[in-house]
Amino acid sequence: MYEQLEGEHLILRKAKEGDYHSMLKHVWGDPDVYLWMLFQPTFTEEDAIDRCRRSIEFQKEHYAWFIADKATDEAFGLCAIKETAPGHFEESGIGIGTKYQGKGYGKEVVALLLDLAFIKLGAADFTYGYFRDNIRSKKVAEAFGFEYTNTYEMTRPWDGAQKVIDSCLLTRDKYLWLFGKQQEERTMKMKTIETGGITYIEQVPGATREWYFGVGYEHGDLYEAEELFRDGKPVNGRNLCLVHYPDGEVFFPVPKTEGHYSETPVYFEGGIFIIDVDFLQGLIRIMRFDCGDHSIRVHAEIPLSAVKDCYNLQLHISPLSLTRQCDNTLEIIWPEKLSIPINDHDSFFLRDGEKLYFNRWHEEGEGADYRYWDETIVRNLAGDVTETLPGDVMLMGNGELWNLR
């Protein structure tokens, strides 16, 4: 989630526990700041400490930062953006301490956020909103070429104040034209990524576009590696890499180890989870790679004897679940243990709490009359069909489910 963005005079960085004092002084407790914001003010040191801790947790999963002085690292503001739909971003709060206003810092922050959205994340457009009576914010919008789109009213939750908000939009084409990025976008650059011989990567399921993974196939998939081990043949392990975009930094969270084999990772709540089967010890380990500090730890251990074999052994979300599908049965192995009968053409792909999503394919006819189609079957944890949706369902990077019909 881009730990730091650096400008000429300031940096956008993730919150630290020691920031509570300066944030209370400059932002959360300053009426000249919070009266122009939607957030509720904070007045006591105790509440500021709690708020700072909540900010740390929130920022792990969002494009959100504290604004800090580049020379002293003192936090004096906050900012955030969010992706409301693929390619569509919006500013979701910018606040700067009174002492630091009037120095061009607001424009410096917006410049960093627009560069992140358009250049690093490939945004199609960016929405910026401000209270109608906030002349400074309006001037910042005008300076970057935003065009007015609409006005709406809202009641601020913490004090009941009626606020009128003007919303404006900047498109990718206009941003590139205004700020001389055309040539940068047209010129392709070659970057060498050392992945240990893995030549294909794809986005980690459930993750934002920041994280990609690749695996080796020396022994085929996990089930094929298990068969080799059972036949007394050597299993040399599996290469698995994680690649961070856009910097191309590569991680090998589960090193290739004799007698072990890994499977496709998934992203969940700030971590990337990987199945690592230890055939020698008879264990299935679920490993967690922290996307923030890049540490790796054992999240759960399950006896290998808990499954008949490793055929279709996979992780799904959410919650994080270890599953196995075979012989018209879906098994949930962890965190609970369930066995659910399914149809011949059903393929499990997503869990949402107590809802289980299956793709079901159909075909009929021959030749010119041949017809193929998909539908999505939703079951509860008892296995009952609760809903049938035409087409397919996709989990998007912002957590939405899209039904493609």
Protein backbone atom coordinates (compact mmCIF):
# COMPACT_ATOMS: atom_id res chain seq x y z
CA MET A 1 0.00 0.00 0.00
CA TYR A 2 2.89 2.40 -0.80
CA GLU A 3 4.50 2.95 2.58
CA GLN A 4 5.87 6.39 1.67
CA LEU A 5 5.53 9.09 -1.00
CA GLU A 6 8.22 11.75 -0.98
CA GLY A 7 7.82 15.37 -2.06
CA GLU A 8 10.15 18.37 -2.01
CA HIS A 9 9.25 19.57 1.50
CA LEU A 10 7.15 16.78 2.96
CA ILE A 11 6.54 13.05 2.93
CA LEU A 12 3.36 11.03 3.03
CA ARG A 13 4.12 8.11 5.35
CA LYS A 14 2.30 5.56 7.43
CA ALA A 15 1.35 6.52 10.98
CA LYS A 16 3.59 5.77 13.95
CA GLU A 17 2.60 5.42 17.62
CA GLY A 18 4.59 8.52 18.55
CA ASP A 19 2.60 10.71 16.14
CA TYR A 20 -0.35 11.10 18.49
CA HIS A 21 1.02 14.26 20.16
CA SER A 22 1.71 16.27 17.01
CA MET A 23 -1.53 15.09 15.34
CA LEU A 24 -3.53 16.17 18.40
CA LYS A 25 -1.79 19.54 18.36
CA HIS A 26 -1.87 20.27 14.63
CA VAL A 27 -4.93 18.43 13.30
CA TRP A 28 -7.32 16.45 15.47
CA GLY A 29 -7.64 19.07 18.19
CA ASP A 30 -7.32 22.26 16.13
CA PRO A 31 -10.72 23.82 15.28
CA ASP A 32 -9.15 25.73 12.37
CA VAL A 33 -8.52 22.30 10.81
CA TYR A 34 -11.31 19.96 11.90
CA LEU A 35 -14.10 22.43 11.12
CA TRP A 36 -13.14 22.03 7.45
CA MET A 37 -13.09 18.22 7.68
CA LEU A 38 -15.64 15.44 8.09
CA PHE A 39 -13.77 13.68 10.89
CA GLN A 40 -14.73 14.07 14.54
CA PRO A 41 -12.24 16.08 16.62
CA THR A 42 -10.14 14.63 19.43
CA PHE A 43 -9.33 16.66 22.54
CA THR A 44 -7.48 14.47 25.06
CA GLU A 45 -4.09 12.80 24.93
CA GLU A 46 -5.64 9.46 25.87
CA ASP A 47 -8.08 9.63 22.95
CA ALA A 48 -5.27 10.76 20.63
CA ILE A 49 -3.18 7.71 21.54
CA ASP A 50 -6.14 5.44 20.76
CA ARG A 51 -6.89 7.30 17.53
CA CYS A 52 -3.28 7.02 16.43
CA ARG A 53 -3.33 3.26 16.97
CA ARG A 54 -6.54 2.98 14.94
CA SER A 55 -4.94 5.07 12.20
CA ILE A 56 -1.98 2.70 12.08
CA GLU A 57 -4.28 -0.28 11.54
CA PHE A 58 -6.46 1.53 8.98
CA GLN A 59 -3.49 2.70 6.94
CA LYS A 60 -2.16 -0.85 6.58
CA GLU A 61 -5.07 -1.68 4.28
CA HIS A 62 -5.73 1.66 2.57
CA TYR A 63 -4.09 4.36 0.48
CA ALA A 64 -3.86 6.60 3.55
CA TRP A 65 -0.96 8.41 5.21
CA PHE A 66 0.05 11.05 7.71
CA ILE A 67 1.75 14.14 6.23
CA ALA A 68 5.13 14.77 7.83
CA ASP A 69 7.81 17.45 7.61
CA LYS A 70 10.63 16.08 5.48
CA ALA A 71 13.31 17.64 7.66
CA THR A 72 11.96 16.77 11.12
CA ASP A 73 9.51 13.90 10.43
CA GLU A 74 6.90 15.70 12.56
CA ALA A 75 3.38 14.68 11.51
CA PHE A 76 1.18 17.69 10.76
CA GLY A 77 -1.57 16.39 8.52
CA LEU A 78 -3.35 13.44 6.94
CA CYS A 79 -4.53 12.40 3.51
CA ALA A 80 -6.10 9.45 1.74
CA ILE A 81 -7.46 8.29 -1.59
CA LYS A 82 -9.59 5.28 -2.47
CA GLU A 83 -10.49 3.33 -5.59
CA THR A 84 -14.29 3.45 -5.86
CA ALA A 85 -14.35 1.22 -8.95
CA PRO A 86 -11.56 -0.20 -11.10
CA GLY A 87 -9.60 2.77 -12.47
CA HIS A 88 -11.71 5.40 -10.69
CA PHE A 89 -10.10 7.09 -7.70
CA GLU A 90 -11.19 9.84 -5.36
CA GLU A 91 -9.66 11.94 -2.61
CA SER A 92 -11.09 10.87 0.74
CA GLY A 93 -9.69 13.52 3.07
CA ILE A 94 -6.79 15.98 3.20
CA GLY A 95 -6.08 17.96 6.36
CA ILE A 96 -3.05 20.14 7.12
CA GLY A 97 -2.19 21.83 10.42
CA THR A 98 -2.71 25.59 10.63
CA LYS A 99 0.99 26.26 11.22
CA TYR A 100 1.80 24.61 7.88
CA GLN A 101 -0.90 26.23 5.78
CA GLY A 102 -0.20 28.91 3.18
CA LYS A 103 3.15 27.34 2.19
CA GLY A 104 2.01 25.38 -0.87
CA TYR A 105 1.94 22.09 1.04
CA GLY A 106 -1.65 21.36 -0.01
CA LYS A 107 -0.65 21.47 -3.67
CA GLU A 108 2.41 19.33 -2.93
CA VAL A 109 0.21 16.69 -1.30
CA VAL A 110 -2.30 16.68 -4.17
CA ALA A 111 0.55 16.42 -6.69
CA LEU A 112 1.86 13.30 -4.94
CA LEU A 113 -1.62 11.76 -4.79
CA LEU A 114 -2.30 12.43 -8.48
CA ASP A 115 1.07 10.96 -9.48
CA LEU A 116 0.26 7.85 -7.47
CA ALA A 117 -3.21 7.50 -8.97
CA PHE A 118 -2.46 8.27 -12.63
CA ILE A 119 1.15 7.13 -13.10
CA LYS A 120 1.61 4.30 -10.59
CA LEU A 121 -1.93 2.91 -10.35
CA GLY A 122 -3.15 3.69 -13.89
CA ALA A 123 -6.24 5.67 -12.90
CA ALA A 124 -8.75 6.67 -15.57
CA ASP A 125 -9.97 9.64 -13.54
CA PHE A 126 -9.73 11.24 -10.11
CA THR A 127 -12.51 12.93 -8.13
CA TYR A 128 -11.82 15.78 -5.69
CA GLY A 129 -14.40 17.32 -3.35
CA TYR A 130 -14.40 20.31 -1.03
CA PHE A 131 -16.79 22.31 1.14
CA ARG A 132 -18.15 25.12 -1.02
CA ASP A 133 -16.93 27.76 1.44
CA ASN A 134 -13.38 26.33 1.55
CA ILE A 135 -11.73 28.76 -0.86
CA ARG A 136 -8.25 27.28 -0.43
CA SER A 137 -9.36 23.79 -1.45
CA LYS A 138 -11.22 25.24 -4.44
CA LYS A 139 -8.05 27.01 -5.59
CA VAL A 140 -6.05 23.78 -5.29
CA ALA A 141 -8.60 22.04 -7.51
CA GLU A 142 -8.42 24.81 -10.09
CA ALA A 143 -4.61 24.72 -10.08
CA PHE A 144 -4.62 21.08 -11.15
CA GLY A 145 -7.23 21.47 -13.86
CA PHE A 146 -10.15 19.74 -12.12
CA GLU A 147 -13.53 20.42 -13.75
CA TYR A 148 -16.70 20.91 -11.71
CA THR A 149 -19.19 18.03 -12.00
CA ASN A 150 -21.88 18.36 -9.32
CA THR A 151 -22.92 19.71 -5.93
CA TYR A 152 -24.49 17.75 -3.09
CA GLU A 153 -25.45 18.36 0.51
CA MET A 154 -24.71 16.26 3.55
CA THR A 155 -25.07 16.36 7.31
CA ARG A 156 -21.73 16.07 9.09
CA PRO A 157 -22.21 13.13 11.51
CA TRP A 158 -20.37 14.42 14.55
CA ASP A 159 -21.95 17.87 14.90
CA GLY A 160 -25.00 17.84 12.61
CA ALA A 161 -23.66 20.72 10.50
CA GLN A 162 -25.22 21.04 7.04
CA LYS A 163 -22.41 21.11 4.47
CA VAL A 164 -22.53 21.86 0.74
CA ILE A 165 -19.86 19.97 -1.21
CA ASP A 166 -18.68 20.76 -4.72
CA SER A 167 -17.29 17.75 -6.59
CA CYS A 168 -14.91 17.97 -9.54
CA LEU A 169 -13.10 15.55 -11.83
CA LEU A 170 -9.70 15.27 -13.52
CA THR A 171 -9.34 12.75 -16.35
CA ARG A 172 -6.20 10.84 -17.16
CA ASP A 173 -5.84 12.43 -20.60
CA LYS A 174 -6.08 15.94 -19.20
CA TYR A 175 -3.64 15.20 -16.39
CA LEU A 176 -1.06 13.80 -18.81
CA TRP A 177 -1.53 16.74 -21.18
CA LEU A 178 -1.29 19.38 -18.45
CA PHE A 179 1.70 17.99 -16.63
CA GLY A 180 3.88 16.81 -19.48
CA LYS A 181 3.56 13.09 -18.83
CA GLN A 182 2.70 12.14 -22.43
CA GLN A 183 6.21 11.15 -23.42
CA GLU A 184 6.75 9.29 -20.14
CA GLU A 185 3.65 7.19 -20.82
CA ARG A 186 4.49 6.50 -24.49
CA THR A 187 8.06 5.40 -23.84
CA MET A 188 8.26 1.82 -22.66
CA LYS A 189 10.93 1.01 -20.13
CA MET A 190 12.52 -2.37 -19.63
CA LYS A 191 13.03 -3.56 -16.06
CA THR A 192 14.74 -6.84 -15.19
CA ILE A 193 13.04 -8.79 -12.39
CA GLU A 194 15.06 -11.64 -10.90
CA THR A 195 12.47 -14.29 -10.05
CA GLY A 196 14.70 -17.34 -9.78
CA GLY A 197 13.74 -18.70 -13.18
CA ILE A 198 9.98 -18.11 -12.87
CA THR A 199 8.92 -16.48 -16.15
CA TYR A 200 5.19 -15.97 -15.61
CA ILE A 201 3.47 -14.05 -12.80
CA GLU A 202 -0.16 -13.15 -12.14
CA GLN A 203 -2.04 -11.07 -9.60
CA VAL A 204 -2.44 -12.64 -6.16
CA PRO A 205 -6.14 -13.60 -5.79
CA GLY A 206 -7.98 -11.13 -3.58
CA ALA A 207 -5.14 -8.57 -3.70
CA THR A 208 -4.83 -5.11 -5.17
CA ARG A 209 -2.69 -4.67 -8.27
CA GLU A 210 0.38 -4.25 -6.04
CA TRP A 211 1.06 -7.97 -5.52
CA TYR A 212 1.83 -10.70 -8.06
CA PHE A 213 3.02 -14.27 -7.68
CA GLY A 214 4.70 -16.95 -9.73
CA VAL A 215 5.40 -20.63 -9.12
CA GLY A 216 7.64 -23.31 -10.59
CA TYR A 217 6.38 -26.63 -11.93
CA GLU A 218 9.30 -29.01 -11.42
CA HIS A 219 6.96 -31.67 -9.97
CA GLY A 220 3.66 -30.40 -11.41
CA ASP A 221 0.92 -29.31 -9.02
CA LEU A 222 0.62 -30.11 -5.31
CA TYR A 223 -1.28 -33.37 -5.86
CA GLU A 224 1.28 -34.64 -8.38
CA ALA A 225 4.11 -33.82 -5.97
CA GLU A 226 2.29 -35.76 -3.24
CA GLU A 227 1.99 -38.81 -5.51
CA LEU A 228 5.74 -38.70 -6.19
CA PHE A 229 6.46 -38.58 -2.47
CA ARG A 230 4.12 -41.50 -1.78
CA ASP A 231 5.91 -43.49 -4.49
CA GLY A 232 9.19 -42.93 -2.69
CA LYS A 233 10.54 -40.50 -5.25
CA PRO A 234 12.32 -37.26 -4.29
CA VAL A 235 10.32 -34.04 -3.99
CA ASN A 236 12.80 -31.18 -4.24
CA GLY A 237 10.40 -28.41 -3.26
CA ARG A 238 8.82 -25.63 -5.29
CA ASN A 239 9.93 -22.14 -6.21
CA LEU A 240 7.32 -19.52 -5.30
CA CYS A 241 7.92 -15.80 -5.56
CA LEU A 242 5.94 -12.69 -4.72
CA VAL A 243 6.56 -9.56 -6.78
CA HIS A 244 5.60 -6.07 -5.62
CA TYR A 245 4.43 -3.56 -8.21
CA PRO A 246 5.60 -1.04 -9.35
CA ASP A 247 9.11 -1.31 -7.84
CA GLY A 248 9.55 -4.95 -8.86
CA GLU A 249 10.87 -6.06 -5.47
CA VAL A 250 10.87 -9.87 -5.25
CA PHE A 251 10.27 -12.02 -2.16
CA PHE A 252 10.62 -15.76 -1.62
CA PRO A 253 8.46 -16.24 1.49
CA VAL A 254 8.51 -20.05 1.43
CA PRO A 255 11.97 -21.13 0.25
CA LYS A 256 12.26 -24.20 -1.95
CA THR A 257 12.86 -27.04 0.54
CA GLU A 258 13.24 -30.77 0.04
CA GLY A 259 10.12 -32.66 1.08
CA HIS A 260 7.92 -29.55 0.94
CA TYR A 261 5.56 -28.24 -1.74
CA SER A 262 3.50 -25.05 -1.90
CA GLU A 263 0.34 -23.92 -3.66
CA THR A 264 -1.27 -20.75 -5.06
CA PRO A 265 -1.38 -17.91 -2.48
CA VAL A 266 -4.33 -15.67 -1.59
CA TYR A 267 -4.50 -12.17 -0.09
CA PHE A 268 -6.53 -11.56 3.08
CA GLU A 269 -6.51 -8.73 5.63
CA GLY A 270 -3.06 -7.32 4.95
CA GLY A 271 -1.28 -10.61 4.41
CA ILE A 272 -0.58 -13.13 1.66
CA PHE A 273 -1.32 -16.69 2.76
CA ILE A 274 0.41 -19.71 1.26
CA ILE A 275 -0.12 -23.46 1.66
CA ASP A 276 3.18 -25.18 2.50
CA VAL A 277 2.79 -28.96 2.75
CA ASP A 278 5.57 -30.66 4.71
CA PHE A 279 5.41 -34.29 3.55
CA LEU A 280 8.27 -35.31 5.82
CA GLN A 281 6.53 -34.10 8.99
CA GLY A 282 3.01 -34.87 7.78
CA LEU A 283 1.82 -31.27 8.17
CA ILE A 284 -0.10 -28.69 6.19
CA ARG A 285 1.16 -25.25 7.18
CA ILE A 286 -0.65 -22.07 6.27
CA MET A 287 2.03 -19.39 6.11
CA ARG A 288 1.32 -15.65 6.36
CA PHE A 289 3.50 -13.08 4.57
CA ASP A 290 2.89 -9.60 5.99
CA CYS A 291 2.49 -7.09 3.16
CA GLY A 292 3.63 -4.26 5.43
CA ASP A 293 6.83 -5.44 7.11
CA HIS A 294 7.42 -8.47 4.81
CA SER A 295 7.76 -10.89 7.71
CA ILE A 296 6.69 -14.53 7.39
CA ARG A 297 5.16 -16.70 10.09
CA VAL A 298 3.13 -19.88 10.57
CA HIS A 299 -0.55 -18.91 10.72
CA ALA A 300 -1.97 -22.43 11.23
CA GLU A 301 -0.85 -26.07 11.22
CA ILE A 302 -3.15 -28.92 10.19
CA PRO A 303 -2.21 -32.62 10.18
CA LEU A 304 -1.82 -33.94 6.63
CA SER A 305 -3.95 -36.88 7.77
CA ALA A 306 -6.92 -34.46 7.95
CA VAL A 307 -7.30 -34.85 4.17
CA LYS A 308 -7.53 -37.95 1.98
CA ASP A 309 -4.95 -36.39 -0.33
CA CYS A 310 -3.91 -32.99 -1.65
CA TYR A 311 -6.12 -33.05 -4.74
CA ASN A 312 -7.58 -29.55 -5.24
CA LEU A 313 -6.29 -28.43 -1.85
CA GLN A 314 -6.66 -24.64 -1.92
CA LEU A 315 -7.09 -21.51 0.17
CA HIS A 316 -10.17 -19.34 -0.32
CA ILE A 317 -11.61 -16.21 1.27
CA SER A 318 -13.42 -14.92 3.24
CA PRO A 319 -12.90 -15.87 6.03
CA LEU A 320 -9.64 -17.52 5.13
CA SER A 321 -10.53 -21.19 4.54
CA LEU A 322 -8.62 -24.32 3.55
CA THR A 323 -10.75 -26.37 1.15
CA ARG A 324 -10.64 -29.47 -1.00
CA GLN A 325 -13.07 -30.39 -3.80
CA CYS A 326 -13.31 -33.97 -5.07
CA ASP A 327 -15.96 -36.54 -6.03
CA ASN A 328 -18.94 -34.15 -5.96
CA THR A 329 -18.01 -32.98 -2.48
CA LEU A 330 -16.61 -29.73 -1.16
CA GLU A 331 -14.66 -30.17 2.07
CA ILE A 332 -13.88 -27.22 4.30
CA ILE A 333 -10.93 -28.46 6.33
CA TRP A 334 -10.07 -25.31 8.29
CA PRO A 335 -11.05 -23.19 10.26
CA GLU A 336 -14.14 -25.40 10.64
CA LYS A 337 -14.67 -28.90 9.24
CA LEU A 338 -17.60 -29.37 6.85
CA SER A 339 -18.49 -31.70 4.00
CA ILE A 340 -20.95 -30.37 1.43
CA PRO A 341 -22.37 -32.41 -1.50
CA ILE A 342 -22.32 -30.57 -4.84
CA ASN A 343 -23.28 -31.23 -8.47
CA ASP A 344 -21.08 -32.72 -11.21
CA HIS A 345 -20.46 -29.42 -12.94
CA ASP A 346 -19.98 -27.26 -9.84
CA SER A 347 -16.63 -25.65 -9.09
CA PHE A 348 -16.12 -23.77 -5.80
CA PHE A 349 -14.34 -20.42 -6.13
CA LEU A 350 -15.35 -18.00 -3.36
CA ARG A 351 -16.60 -17.82 0.20
CA ASP A 352 -18.36 -14.81 1.69
CA GLY A 353 -19.07 -15.61 5.33
CA GLU A 354 -21.76 -18.30 5.27
CA LYS A 355 -22.25 -18.01 1.50
CA LEU A 356 -20.38 -20.43 -0.79
CA TYR A 357 -20.10 -19.51 -4.48
CA PHE A 358 -19.84 -22.17 -7.19
CA ASN A 359 -19.48 -21.85 -10.94
CA ARG A 360 -21.76 -24.30 -12.77
CA TRP A 361 -21.37 -24.91 -16.50
CA HIS A 362 -23.97 -26.33 -18.87
CA GLU A 363 -23.90 -27.59 -22.43
CA GLU A 364 -26.52 -29.00 -24.76
CA GLY A 365 -27.04 -29.79 -28.43
CA GLU A 366 -24.57 -30.62 -31.15
CA GLY A 367 -23.08 -28.89 -34.18
CA ALA A 368 -24.89 -25.67 -35.07
CA ASP A 369 -27.29 -26.27 -32.17
CA TYR A 370 -24.51 -26.57 -29.58
CA ARG A 371 -24.91 -24.22 -26.65
CA TYR A 372 -22.69 -23.58 -23.61
CA TRP A 373 -23.40 -21.30 -20.67
CA ASP A 374 -22.39 -20.59 -17.07
CA GLU A 375 -24.29 -19.71 -13.94
CA THR A 376 -23.32 -19.06 -10.34
CA ILE A 377 -24.78 -21.20 -7.56
CA VAL A 378 -24.83 -19.85 -4.01
CA ARG A 379 -25.08 -22.36 -1.15
CA ASN A 380 -25.18 -21.97 2.61
CA LEU A 381 -22.90 -23.94 4.94
CA ALA A 382 -25.52 -26.69 5.14
CA GLY A 383 -25.19 -27.15 1.38
CA ASP A 384 -28.63 -25.76 0.49
CA VAL A 385 -28.87 -23.71 -2.71
CA THR A 386 -30.01 -20.23 -1.67
CA GLU A 387 -29.55 -18.34 -4.93
CA THR A 388 -28.83 -18.91 -8.63
CA LEU A 389 -27.26 -16.06 -10.60
CA PRO A 390 -26.86 -15.93 -14.38
CA GLY A 391 -23.26 -15.67 -15.60
CA ASP A 392 -20.19 -15.44 -13.40
CA VAL A 393 -19.20 -13.56 -10.23
CA MET A 394 -15.85 -11.86 -9.80
CA LEU A 395 -14.21 -10.51 -6.64
CA MET A 396 -12.74 -7.10 -7.49
CA GLY A 397 -9.71 -5.43 -5.91
CA ASN A 398 -11.88 -3.06 -3.84
CA GLY A 399 -13.79 -5.97 -2.26
CA GLU A 400 -16.92 -5.70 -4.42
CA LEU A 401 -18.52 -8.71 -6.07
CA TRP A 402 -19.38 -8.18 -9.76
CA ASN A 403 -22.00 -10.37 -11.40
CA LEU A 404 -21.09 -10.65 -15.09
CA ARG A 405 -24.18 -11.63 -17.08
